[in-house]
Amino acid sequence: MLECGYDKGVKGDRVEIVIDAGGTPRTYEVVATKAGRRVEVTTGRSIVEVSEVTRNGTPVRTARFMSNRILALVEHPVDGGPTPLGT
């Protein structure tokens, strides 16, 4: 049986967020800057949270956006995203 999860690390993964800042769009990026870190996106109520987290899940950097202001949220995986473990 295969388990899904992240390989050793996904350094270079990034999430690009475009928001409406009063008539002009602004772009923000959250990037996995070191080996073993990844970028996670969570949504809850009216907030979208994008975090760079370590291997054990500890957030290093977090950006929060109001969901009604987000124009686009694009995930850019380095190698195509998560790979099954054990392959």
Protein backbone atom coordinates (compact mmCIF):
# COMPACT_ATOMS: atom_id res chain seq x y z
CA MET A 1 0.00 0.00 0.00
CA LEU A 2 1.37 3.43 -0.97
CA GLU A 3 1.17 6.41 1.32
CA CYS A 4 0.95 9.91 -0.09
CA GLY A 5 3.21 12.54 1.33
CA TYR A 6 6.14 14.75 0.64
CA ASP A 7 9.51 13.39 -0.34
CA LYS A 8 12.65 14.62 1.47
CA GLY A 9 11.99 18.24 0.68
CA VAL A 10 10.35 20.51 -1.80
CA LYS A 11 12.70 23.48 -1.73
CA GLY A 12 11.65 25.98 -4.35
CA ASP A 13 7.91 25.35 -4.15
CA ARG A 14 6.10 28.65 -4.22
CA VAL A 15 2.60 30.06 -4.03
CA GLU A 16 1.76 33.28 -5.85
CA ILE A 17 -1.16 35.35 -4.50
CA VAL A 18 -2.69 38.25 -6.44
CA ILE A 19 -5.00 40.52 -4.42
CA ASP A 20 -7.12 43.57 -5.17
CA ALA A 21 -5.54 46.48 -3.31
CA GLY A 22 -8.07 49.21 -3.95
CA GLY A 23 -8.23 49.15 -7.71
CA THR A 24 -4.72 47.90 -8.45
CA PRO A 25 -3.60 44.28 -8.17
CA ARG A 26 -0.68 43.42 -5.88
CA THR A 27 1.29 40.19 -6.07
CA TYR A 28 2.79 38.32 -3.12
CA GLU A 29 4.87 35.13 -3.10
CA VAL A 30 5.56 32.62 -0.37
CA VAL A 31 8.51 30.36 -1.23
CA ALA A 32 9.97 27.25 0.41
CA THR A 33 13.45 28.71 0.88
CA LYS A 34 15.40 25.83 2.45
CA ALA A 35 15.66 22.09 1.90
CA GLY A 36 12.91 20.16 3.64
CA ARG A 37 10.45 23.04 3.75
CA ARG A 38 7.15 23.20 1.93
CA VAL A 39 4.35 25.69 1.36
CA GLU A 40 0.85 24.92 2.64
CA VAL A 41 -2.41 26.73 1.87
CA THR A 42 -5.34 26.64 4.28
CA THR A 43 -8.73 28.30 4.06
CA GLY A 44 -11.13 29.05 6.85
CA ARG A 45 -14.17 31.29 6.95
CA SER A 46 -13.03 34.46 5.20
CA ILE A 47 -9.25 34.05 5.54
CA VAL A 48 -6.74 32.28 3.29
CA GLU A 49 -3.46 31.44 5.00
CA VAL A 50 -0.27 30.56 3.13
CA SER A 51 2.57 29.18 5.28
CA GLU A 52 6.11 28.01 4.76
CA VAL A 53 6.51 25.05 7.12
CA THR A 54 9.38 22.80 8.20
CA ARG A 55 9.47 19.01 7.87
CA ASN A 56 7.68 18.54 11.19
CA GLY A 57 4.99 21.12 10.39
CA THR A 58 6.25 24.13 12.35
CA PRO A 59 5.33 27.35 10.51
CA VAL A 60 8.31 29.54 9.65
CA ARG A 61 6.53 32.31 7.78
CA THR A 62 2.80 32.93 7.33
CA ALA A 63 0.80 35.30 5.14
CA ARG A 64 -2.94 35.85 5.67
CA PHE A 65 -5.34 37.34 3.14
CA MET A 66 -9.05 38.12 3.15
CA SER A 67 -10.62 35.70 0.69
CA ASN A 68 -12.89 38.33 -0.89
CA ARG A 69 -9.77 40.33 -1.93
CA ILE A 70 -7.97 37.43 -3.66
CA LEU A 71 -8.02 37.59 -7.45
CA ALA A 72 -5.76 34.56 -8.04
CA LEU A 73 -3.87 31.98 -6.01
CA VAL A 74 -1.42 29.90 -8.05
CA GLU A 75 0.68 27.03 -6.71
CA HIS A 76 4.00 26.44 -8.49
CA PRO A 77 5.41 23.04 -7.43
CA VAL A 78 9.05 22.40 -8.27
CA ASP A 79 8.69 18.83 -9.52
CA GLY A 80 4.98 18.39 -10.07
CA GLY A 81 3.86 18.21 -6.46
CA PRO A 82 3.70 15.45 -3.86
CA THR A 83 4.99 12.02 -4.82
CA PRO A 84 3.95 8.70 -3.30
CA LEU A 85 6.35 7.49 -0.62
CA GLY A 86 8.18 4.25 -1.24
CA THR A 87 8.52 4.63 -5.01
